[in-house]
Amino acid sequence: MRIKDRVAIVTGAGSGIGRGIAELFAEEGARVAVADINVAGGRETVATIEKTGGQAFFVETDVSRGPEVKALVEGTVDRWGSLDIMVNNAGVNLPCLIHEAEAESIFDRTVAVNYKGTFYGCKYAVVQMLRQGKGAIVNIGSGNSIVAEPFLSIYCGTKGAIAQFTKGIGIDYAKNNIRVNCIAPGFIDTPINYAHAERLGGVEKVYAALPEAVPLGRAGTPREIANVYIADGGIIARA
């Protein structure tokens, strides 16, 4: 129970990496606010946590809307008295080429969710953590924060921005005992990757190529990314 009684928010916790993080946090003793625009998925995450004796509640949240993120943070604090850990995980991956007709709408949506969503999550978490005098924020970047891939120029741009944004916030608030980190997962077995796989020739083809393309020889799992948060001797999410 390495984060027992800590209060955490995990955005995008209705599926994939976010769900894996929320479930592990609860197993390790944290009380978790599960935030997602996906109502059914978010409630399913909460139900899974509660079945194993954990504490969680669901908040329907569109992270691209600042007032909703503000309400998420304030509601969590009203319920449990603090905010120790903020995980900005919610994101979209909408592959395209920039000359295609839908590229502008894809750009707007990707920036709104991935970059603005991370901005709002950090902003309102920091407001609360300054009051408390401590806190931990973890933003989900990507291997595409560093390395580009076909059809993902817009996505790569937002993930690169998140990496640098995280560094800047970390500098700004280190003196306030607020730690800010970014995790950059590689290819993880979650639905967010399926549309990209289709552009690359199909899901089956992409997964068949993973043994040669990925040193691990397979896709990673959400649980493996969640474990990065709570590693022996280096709990980056511990406030």
C-alpha atoms as a PDB file:
ATOM      1  CA  MET A   1       0.000   0.000   0.000  1.00  0.00           C
ATOM      2  CA  ARG A   2       2.657   2.444  -1.117  1.00  0.00           C
ATOM      3  CA  ILE A   3       0.334   5.412  -1.723  1.00  0.00           C
ATOM      4  CA  LYS A   4      -2.177   4.618   1.006  1.00  0.00           C
ATOM      5  CA  ASP A   5      -4.705   7.401   1.654  1.00  0.00           C
ATOM      6  CA  ARG A   6      -3.356   9.600  -1.151  1.00  0.00           C
ATOM      7  CA  VAL A   7      -5.966  11.286  -3.347  1.00  0.00           C
ATOM      8  CA  ALA A   8      -5.459  10.933  -7.091  1.00  0.00           C
ATOM      9  CA  ILE A   9      -7.153  12.067 -10.280  1.00  0.00           C
ATOM     10  CA  VAL A  10      -6.587  10.050 -13.451  1.00  0.00           C
ATOM     11  CA  THR A  11      -7.983  11.481 -16.681  1.00  0.00           C
ATOM     12  CA  GLY A  12      -8.834   9.160 -19.538  1.00  0.00           C
ATOM     13  CA  ALA A  13      -9.296   6.388 -16.971  1.00  0.00           C
ATOM     14  CA  GLY A  14     -12.211   4.761 -18.757  1.00  0.00           C
ATOM     15  CA  SER A  15      -9.918   2.481 -20.756  1.00  0.00           C
ATOM     16  CA  GLY A  16      -6.352   1.645 -21.685  1.00  0.00           C
ATOM     17  CA  ILE A  17      -3.414   3.135 -19.836  1.00  0.00           C
ATOM     18  CA  GLY A  18      -5.622   5.384 -17.705  1.00  0.00           C
ATOM     19  CA  ARG A  19      -7.645   2.434 -16.466  1.00  0.00           C
ATOM     20  CA  GLY A  20      -4.473   0.515 -15.651  1.00  0.00           C
ATOM     21  CA  ILE A  21      -3.119   3.453 -13.646  1.00  0.00           C
ATOM     22  CA  ALA A  22      -6.392   4.018 -11.765  1.00  0.00           C
ATOM     23  CA  GLU A  23      -6.690   0.352 -10.829  1.00  0.00           C
ATOM     24  CA  LEU A  24      -3.099   0.098  -9.616  1.00  0.00           C
ATOM     25  CA  PHE A  25      -3.376   3.304  -7.608  1.00  0.00           C
ATOM     26  CA  ALA A  26      -6.461   1.925  -5.871  1.00  0.00           C
ATOM     27  CA  GLU A  27      -4.698  -1.362  -5.146  1.00  0.00           C
ATOM     28  CA  GLU A  28      -1.876   0.642  -3.583  1.00  0.00           C
ATOM     29  CA  GLY A  29      -4.278   2.425  -1.238  1.00  0.00           C
ATOM     30  CA  ALA A  30      -5.100   5.655  -3.068  1.00  0.00           C
ATOM     31  CA  ARG A  31      -8.586   7.102  -3.443  1.00  0.00           C
ATOM     32  CA  VAL A  32      -9.100   7.684  -7.151  1.00  0.00           C
ATOM     33  CA  ALA A  33     -11.231  10.121  -9.114  1.00  0.00           C
ATOM     34  CA  VAL A  34     -11.807   8.416 -12.464  1.00  0.00           C
ATOM     35  CA  ALA A  35     -12.303  11.066 -15.161  1.00  0.00           C
ATOM     36  CA  ASP A  36     -13.305  10.391 -18.748  1.00  0.00           C
ATOM     37  CA  ILE A  37     -15.627  11.556 -21.497  1.00  0.00           C
ATOM     38  CA  ASN A  38     -16.509   7.872 -21.891  1.00  0.00           C
ATOM     39  CA  VAL A  39     -19.215   7.394 -19.268  1.00  0.00           C
ATOM     40  CA  ALA A  40     -19.642   3.640 -19.649  1.00  0.00           C
ATOM     41  CA  GLY A  41     -15.896   3.012 -19.543  1.00  0.00           C
ATOM     42  CA  GLY A  42     -15.364   5.294 -16.560  1.00  0.00           C
ATOM     43  CA  ARG A  43     -18.093   3.623 -14.552  1.00  0.00           C
ATOM     44  CA  GLU A  44     -16.699   0.229 -15.438  1.00  0.00           C
ATOM     45  CA  THR A  45     -13.295   1.256 -14.079  1.00  0.00           C
ATOM     46  CA  VAL A  46     -14.911   2.415 -10.831  1.00  0.00           C
ATOM     47  CA  ALA A  47     -16.877  -0.832 -10.530  1.00  0.00           C
ATOM     48  CA  THR A  48     -13.719  -2.894 -10.989  1.00  0.00           C
ATOM     49  CA  ILE A  49     -11.921  -0.879  -8.312  1.00  0.00           C
ATOM     50  CA  GLU A  50     -14.788  -1.165  -5.853  1.00  0.00           C
ATOM     51  CA  LYS A  51     -15.085  -4.936  -6.385  1.00  0.00           C
ATOM     52  CA  THR A  52     -11.552  -5.318  -5.065  1.00  0.00           C
ATOM     53  CA  GLY A  53     -12.187  -3.074  -2.060  1.00  0.00           C
ATOM     54  CA  GLY A  54     -10.763   0.142  -3.473  1.00  0.00           C
ATOM     55  CA  GLN A  55     -12.218   3.637  -3.333  1.00  0.00           C
ATOM     56  CA  ALA A  56     -13.129   5.498  -6.515  1.00  0.00           C
ATOM     57  CA  PHE A  57     -15.779   7.675  -8.072  1.00  0.00           C
ATOM     58  CA  PHE A  58     -16.464   8.728 -11.639  1.00  0.00           C
ATOM     59  CA  VAL A  59     -16.582  12.255 -13.043  1.00  0.00           C
ATOM     60  CA  GLU A  60     -17.635  12.749 -16.650  1.00  0.00           C
ATOM     61  CA  THR A  61     -15.031  15.187 -17.967  1.00  0.00           C
ATOM     62  CA  ASP A  62     -14.046  16.614 -21.328  1.00  0.00           C
ATOM     63  CA  VAL A  63     -10.468  17.683 -20.619  1.00  0.00           C
ATOM     64  CA  SER A  64     -10.486  20.086 -23.557  1.00  0.00           C
ATOM     65  CA  ARG A  65     -12.892  22.289 -21.572  1.00  0.00           C
ATOM     66  CA  GLY A  66     -11.233  24.235 -18.776  1.00  0.00           C
ATOM     67  CA  PRO A  67     -14.364  24.673 -16.614  1.00  0.00           C
ATOM     68  CA  GLU A  68     -14.915  20.912 -16.587  1.00  0.00           C
ATOM     69  CA  VAL A  69     -11.346  20.220 -15.459  1.00  0.00           C
ATOM     70  CA  LYS A  70     -11.640  22.908 -12.792  1.00  0.00           C
ATOM     71  CA  ALA A  71     -14.862  21.293 -11.552  1.00  0.00           C
ATOM     72  CA  LEU A  72     -13.148  17.881 -11.543  1.00  0.00           C
ATOM     73  CA  VAL A  73     -10.351  19.109  -9.296  1.00  0.00           C
ATOM     74  CA  GLU A  74     -12.638  21.087  -6.997  1.00  0.00           C
ATOM     75  CA  GLY A  75     -15.108  18.212  -6.732  1.00  0.00           C
ATOM     76  CA  THR A  76     -12.365  15.773  -5.823  1.00  0.00           C
ATOM     77  CA  VAL A  77     -11.036  18.103  -3.133  1.00  0.00           C
ATOM     78  CA  ASP A  78     -14.548  18.686  -1.777  1.00  0.00           C
ATOM     79  CA  ARG A  79     -15.048  14.932  -1.528  1.00  0.00           C
ATOM     80  CA  TRP A  80     -11.691  13.837  -0.136  1.00  0.00           C
ATOM     81  CA  GLY A  81     -10.009  16.990   1.163  1.00  0.00           C
ATOM     82  CA  SER A  82      -6.881  17.153  -0.996  1.00  0.00           C
ATOM     83  CA  LEU A  83      -5.274  16.345  -4.332  1.00  0.00           C
ATOM     84  CA  ASP A  84      -1.974  14.549  -3.992  1.00  0.00           C
ATOM     85  CA  ILE A  85      -1.534  13.093  -7.486  1.00  0.00           C
ATOM     86  CA  MET A  86      -2.735  14.402 -10.849  1.00  0.00           C
ATOM     87  CA  VAL A  87      -2.323  12.125 -13.866  1.00  0.00           C
ATOM     88  CA  ASN A  88      -3.008  13.848 -17.190  1.00  0.00           C
ATOM     89  CA  ASN A  89      -3.510  10.789 -19.349  1.00  0.00           C
ATOM     90  CA  ALA A  90      -6.516  11.580 -21.568  1.00  0.00           C
ATOM     91  CA  GLY A  91      -5.593  11.786 -25.221  1.00  0.00           C
ATOM     92  CA  VAL A  92      -6.600  11.131 -28.797  1.00  0.00           C
ATOM     93  CA  ASN A  93      -4.658   9.714 -31.730  1.00  0.00           C
ATOM     94  CA  LEU A  94      -6.261  10.641 -35.062  1.00  0.00           C
ATOM     95  CA  PRO A  95      -3.899   9.689 -37.896  1.00  0.00           C
ATOM     96  CA  CYS A  96      -3.938  11.695 -41.110  1.00  0.00           C
ATOM     97  CA  LEU A  97      -1.809  13.423 -43.722  1.00  0.00           C
ATOM     98  CA  ILE A  98      -1.904  17.190 -43.394  1.00  0.00           C
ATOM     99  CA  HIS A  99      -3.158  17.794 -46.959  1.00  0.00           C
ATOM    100  CA  GLU A 100      -6.287  15.732 -46.358  1.00  0.00           C
ATOM    101  CA  ALA A 101      -9.605  17.539 -46.087  1.00  0.00           C
ATOM    102  CA  GLU A 102     -10.236  16.621 -42.453  1.00  0.00           C
ATOM    103  CA  ALA A 103      -6.749  17.611 -41.266  1.00  0.00           C
ATOM    104  CA  GLU A 104      -7.843  20.965 -39.800  1.00  0.00           C
ATOM    105  CA  SER A 105     -10.550  19.437 -37.628  1.00  0.00           C
ATOM    106  CA  ILE A 106      -8.167  16.661 -36.578  1.00  0.00           C
ATOM    107  CA  PHE A 107      -5.568  19.288 -35.674  1.00  0.00           C
ATOM    108  CA  ASP A 108      -8.055  21.243 -33.550  1.00  0.00           C
ATOM    109  CA  ARG A 109      -9.324  18.164 -31.712  1.00  0.00           C
ATOM    110  CA  THR A 110      -5.879  16.691 -31.102  1.00  0.00           C
ATOM    111  CA  VAL A 111      -4.470  19.947 -29.759  1.00  0.00           C
ATOM    112  CA  ALA A 112      -7.590  20.528 -27.639  1.00  0.00           C
ATOM    113  CA  VAL A 113      -7.482  17.130 -25.942  1.00  0.00           C
ATOM    114  CA  ASN A 114      -3.798  16.305 -25.807  1.00  0.00           C
ATOM    115  CA  TYR A 115      -2.164  19.672 -25.223  1.00  0.00           C
ATOM    116  CA  LYS A 116      -4.901  21.919 -23.834  1.00  0.00           C
ATOM    117  CA  GLY A 117      -6.210  19.037 -21.735  1.00  0.00           C
ATOM    118  CA  THR A 118      -2.786  18.596 -20.185  1.00  0.00           C
ATOM    119  CA  PHE A 119      -2.520  22.351 -19.662  1.00  0.00           C
ATOM    120  CA  TYR A 120      -5.855  22.525 -17.844  1.00  0.00           C
ATOM    121  CA  GLY A 121      -5.045  19.476 -15.732  1.00  0.00           C
ATOM    122  CA  CYS A 122      -1.740  20.980 -14.655  1.00  0.00           C
ATOM    123  CA  LYS A 123      -3.167  24.458 -14.102  1.00  0.00           C
ATOM    124  CA  TYR A 124      -5.966  23.450 -11.752  1.00  0.00           C
ATOM    125  CA  ALA A 125      -3.900  20.803  -9.981  1.00  0.00           C
ATOM    126  CA  VAL A 126      -1.190  23.394  -9.306  1.00  0.00           C
ATOM    127  CA  VAL A 127      -3.747  25.818  -7.848  1.00  0.00           C
ATOM    128  CA  GLN A 128      -4.718  23.183  -5.273  1.00  0.00           C
ATOM    129  CA  MET A 129      -1.197  21.885  -4.671  1.00  0.00           C
ATOM    130  CA  LEU A 130       0.076  25.386  -3.935  1.00  0.00           C
ATOM    131  CA  ARG A 131      -2.526  25.600  -1.170  1.00  0.00           C
ATOM    132  CA  GLN A 132      -1.361  22.260   0.224  1.00  0.00           C
ATOM    133  CA  GLY A 133       2.339  22.958  -0.166  1.00  0.00           C
ATOM    134  CA  LYS A 134       2.998  19.739  -2.092  1.00  0.00           C
ATOM    135  CA  GLY A 135       1.837  17.471  -4.880  1.00  0.00           C
ATOM    136  CA  ALA A 136       2.846  15.286  -7.812  1.00  0.00           C
ATOM    137  CA  ILE A 137       1.771  15.681 -11.438  1.00  0.00           C
ATOM    138  CA  VAL A 138       2.458  13.105 -14.127  1.00  0.00           C
ATOM    139  CA  ASN A 139       1.730  13.833 -17.789  1.00  0.00           C
ATOM    140  CA  ILE A 140       1.480  11.111 -20.403  1.00  0.00           C
ATOM    141  CA  GLY A 141       3.669  11.850 -23.367  1.00  0.00           C
ATOM    142  CA  SER A 142       4.642   9.209 -25.903  1.00  0.00           C
ATOM    143  CA  GLY A 143       7.555   7.691 -27.710  1.00  0.00           C
ATOM    144  CA  ASN A 144       6.270  10.109 -30.347  1.00  0.00           C
ATOM    145  CA  SER A 145       7.357  12.948 -28.087  1.00  0.00           C
ATOM    146  CA  ILE A 146      10.788  12.112 -29.492  1.00  0.00           C
ATOM    147  CA  VAL A 147      10.395   9.907 -32.581  1.00  0.00           C
ATOM    148  CA  ALA A 148       7.973  10.581 -35.459  1.00  0.00           C
ATOM    149  CA  GLU A 149       5.897   8.026 -37.354  1.00  0.00           C
ATOM    150  CA  PRO A 150       3.901   8.058 -40.605  1.00  0.00           C
ATOM    151  CA  PHE A 151       0.434   9.646 -40.469  1.00  0.00           C
ATOM    152  CA  LEU A 152       1.035  11.029 -36.961  1.00  0.00           C
ATOM    153  CA  SER A 153       2.529  14.491 -37.555  1.00  0.00           C
ATOM    154  CA  ILE A 154      -0.236  16.248 -35.600  1.00  0.00           C
ATOM    155  CA  TYR A 155      -0.202  13.726 -32.759  1.00  0.00           C
ATOM    156  CA  CYS A 156       3.613  13.828 -32.588  1.00  0.00           C
ATOM    157  CA  GLY A 157       3.471  17.619 -32.384  1.00  0.00           C
ATOM    158  CA  THR A 158       1.213  17.557 -29.340  1.00  0.00           C
ATOM    159  CA  LYS A 159       3.211  14.871 -27.582  1.00  0.00           C
ATOM    160  CA  GLY A 160       6.460  16.726 -28.196  1.00  0.00           C
ATOM    161  CA  ALA A 161       4.835  19.839 -26.766  1.00  0.00           C
ATOM    162  CA  ILE A 162       3.737  17.932 -23.657  1.00  0.00           C
ATOM    163  CA  ALA A 163       7.311  16.803 -22.986  1.00  0.00           C
ATOM    164  CA  GLN A 164       8.688  20.351 -23.081  1.00  0.00           C
ATOM    165  CA  PHE A 165       5.666  21.771 -21.255  1.00  0.00           C
ATOM    166  CA  THR A 166       6.285  19.296 -18.445  1.00  0.00           C
ATOM    167  CA  LYS A 167       9.914  20.371 -18.127  1.00  0.00           C
ATOM    168  CA  GLY A 168       8.903  24.015 -17.885  1.00  0.00           C
ATOM    169  CA  ILE A 169       6.286  23.413 -15.202  1.00  0.00           C
ATOM    170  CA  GLY A 170       8.717  21.240 -13.277  1.00  0.00           C
ATOM    171  CA  ILE A 171      11.170  24.149 -13.152  1.00  0.00           C
ATOM    172  CA  ASP A 172       8.500  26.685 -12.226  1.00  0.00           C
ATOM    173  CA  TYR A 173       7.097  24.782  -9.237  1.00  0.00           C
ATOM    174  CA  ALA A 174      10.003  22.741  -7.894  1.00  0.00           C
ATOM    175  CA  LYS A 175      10.474  25.330  -5.152  1.00  0.00           C
ATOM    176  CA  ASN A 176       6.849  24.757  -4.118  1.00  0.00           C
ATOM    177  CA  ASN A 177       7.394  21.031  -3.512  1.00  0.00           C
ATOM    178  CA  ILE A 178       5.370  20.124  -6.611  1.00  0.00           C
ATOM    179  CA  ARG A 179       7.041  17.490  -8.761  1.00  0.00           C
ATOM    180  CA  VAL A 180       6.105  17.247 -12.431  1.00  0.00           C
ATOM    181  CA  ASN A 181       7.135  14.333 -14.624  1.00  0.00           C
ATOM    182  CA  CYS A 182       6.324  12.963 -18.061  1.00  0.00           C
ATOM    183  CA  ILE A 183       6.117   9.303 -19.038  1.00  0.00           C
ATOM    184  CA  ALA A 184       6.602   8.440 -22.724  1.00  0.00           C
ATOM    185  CA  PRO A 185       5.140   4.998 -23.508  1.00  0.00           C
ATOM    186  CA  GLY A 186       5.989   3.119 -26.664  1.00  0.00           C
ATOM    187  CA  PHE A 187       3.509   0.877 -28.514  1.00  0.00           C
ATOM    188  CA  ILE A 188       0.896  -0.180 -25.970  1.00  0.00           C
ATOM    189  CA  ASP A 189      -1.976  -2.569 -26.640  1.00  0.00           C
ATOM    190  CA  THR A 190      -4.882  -0.131 -26.371  1.00  0.00           C
ATOM    191  CA  PRO A 191      -7.703   0.857 -28.748  1.00  0.00           C
ATOM    192  CA  ILE A 192      -6.131   4.295 -29.346  1.00  0.00           C
ATOM    193  CA  ASN A 193      -3.590   2.613 -31.649  1.00  0.00           C
ATOM    194  CA  TYR A 194      -6.042   0.758 -33.878  1.00  0.00           C
ATOM    195  CA  ALA A 195      -6.845   3.620 -36.287  1.00  0.00           C
ATOM    196  CA  HIS A 196      -3.139   4.235 -36.829  1.00  0.00           C
ATOM    197  CA  ALA A 197      -2.577   0.533 -37.413  1.00  0.00           C
ATOM    198  CA  GLU A 198      -5.258   0.569 -40.106  1.00  0.00           C
ATOM    199  CA  ARG A 199      -3.417   3.371 -41.947  1.00  0.00           C
ATOM    200  CA  LEU A 200      -0.250   1.277 -41.795  1.00  0.00           C
ATOM    201  CA  GLY A 201      -1.869  -1.731 -43.461  1.00  0.00           C
ATOM    202  CA  GLY A 202      -4.143  -3.227 -40.852  1.00  0.00           C
ATOM    203  CA  VAL A 203      -4.107  -4.187 -37.187  1.00  0.00           C
ATOM    204  CA  GLU A 204      -3.076  -7.780 -37.853  1.00  0.00           C
ATOM    205  CA  LYS A 205      -0.166  -6.717 -40.053  1.00  0.00           C
ATOM    206  CA  VAL A 206       1.129  -4.204 -37.509  1.00  0.00           C
ATOM    207  CA  TYR A 207       0.902  -6.624 -34.592  1.00  0.00           C
ATOM    208  CA  ALA A 208       2.603  -9.341 -36.653  1.00  0.00           C
ATOM    209  CA  ALA A 209       5.533  -6.970 -37.221  1.00  0.00           C
ATOM    210  CA  LEU A 210       6.034  -6.123 -33.553  1.00  0.00           C
ATOM    211  CA  PRO A 211       8.462  -8.995 -32.766  1.00  0.00           C
ATOM    212  CA  GLU A 212      10.930  -7.407 -35.210  1.00  0.00           C
ATOM    213  CA  ALA A 213      10.060  -3.761 -34.593  1.00  0.00           C
ATOM    214  CA  VAL A 214       9.962  -3.684 -30.791  1.00  0.00           C
ATOM    215  CA  PRO A 215      12.887  -4.840 -28.603  1.00  0.00           C
ATOM    216  CA  LEU A 216      10.432  -6.430 -26.171  1.00  0.00           C
ATOM    217  CA  GLY A 217       9.023  -8.419 -29.079  1.00  0.00           C
ATOM    218  CA  ARG A 218       5.409  -7.450 -28.421  1.00  0.00           C
ATOM    219  CA  ALA A 219       3.110  -4.578 -27.536  1.00  0.00           C
ATOM    220  CA  GLY A 220       3.307  -3.266 -24.001  1.00  0.00           C
ATOM    221  CA  THR A 221       0.328  -3.452 -21.658  1.00  0.00           C
ATOM    222  CA  PRO A 222      -1.449  -0.699 -19.685  1.00  0.00           C
ATOM    223  CA  ARG A 223      -0.422  -2.428 -16.473  1.00  0.00           C
ATOM    224  CA  GLU A 224       3.242  -2.195 -17.393  1.00  0.00           C
ATOM    225  CA  ILE A 225       2.921   1.557 -17.848  1.00  0.00           C
ATOM    226  CA  ALA A 226       1.014   1.850 -14.580  1.00  0.00           C
ATOM    227  CA  ASN A 227       3.863   0.067 -12.812  1.00  0.00           C
ATOM    228  CA  VAL A 228       6.248   2.850 -13.841  1.00  0.00           C
ATOM    229  CA  TYR A 229       4.420   5.124 -11.400  1.00  0.00           C
ATOM    230  CA  ILE A 230       5.051   2.878  -8.437  1.00  0.00           C
ATOM    231  CA  ALA A 231       8.544   1.454  -8.760  1.00  0.00           C
ATOM    232  CA  ASP A 232      10.587   0.338  -5.758  1.00  0.00           C
ATOM    233  CA  GLY A 233      12.648   3.235  -4.491  1.00  0.00           C
ATOM    234  CA  GLY A 234      11.289   5.717  -7.040  1.00  0.00           C
ATOM    235  CA  ILE A 235       7.609   6.412  -6.742  1.00  0.00           C
ATOM    236  CA  ILE A 236       7.197   9.378  -9.056  1.00  0.00           C
ATOM    237  CA  ALA A 237       3.537   9.709  -8.128  1.00  0.00           C
ATOM    238  CA  ARG A 238       4.155   9.840  -4.372  1.00  0.00           C
ATOM    239  CA  ALA A 239       3.320  13.248  -2.931  1.00  0.00           C
END
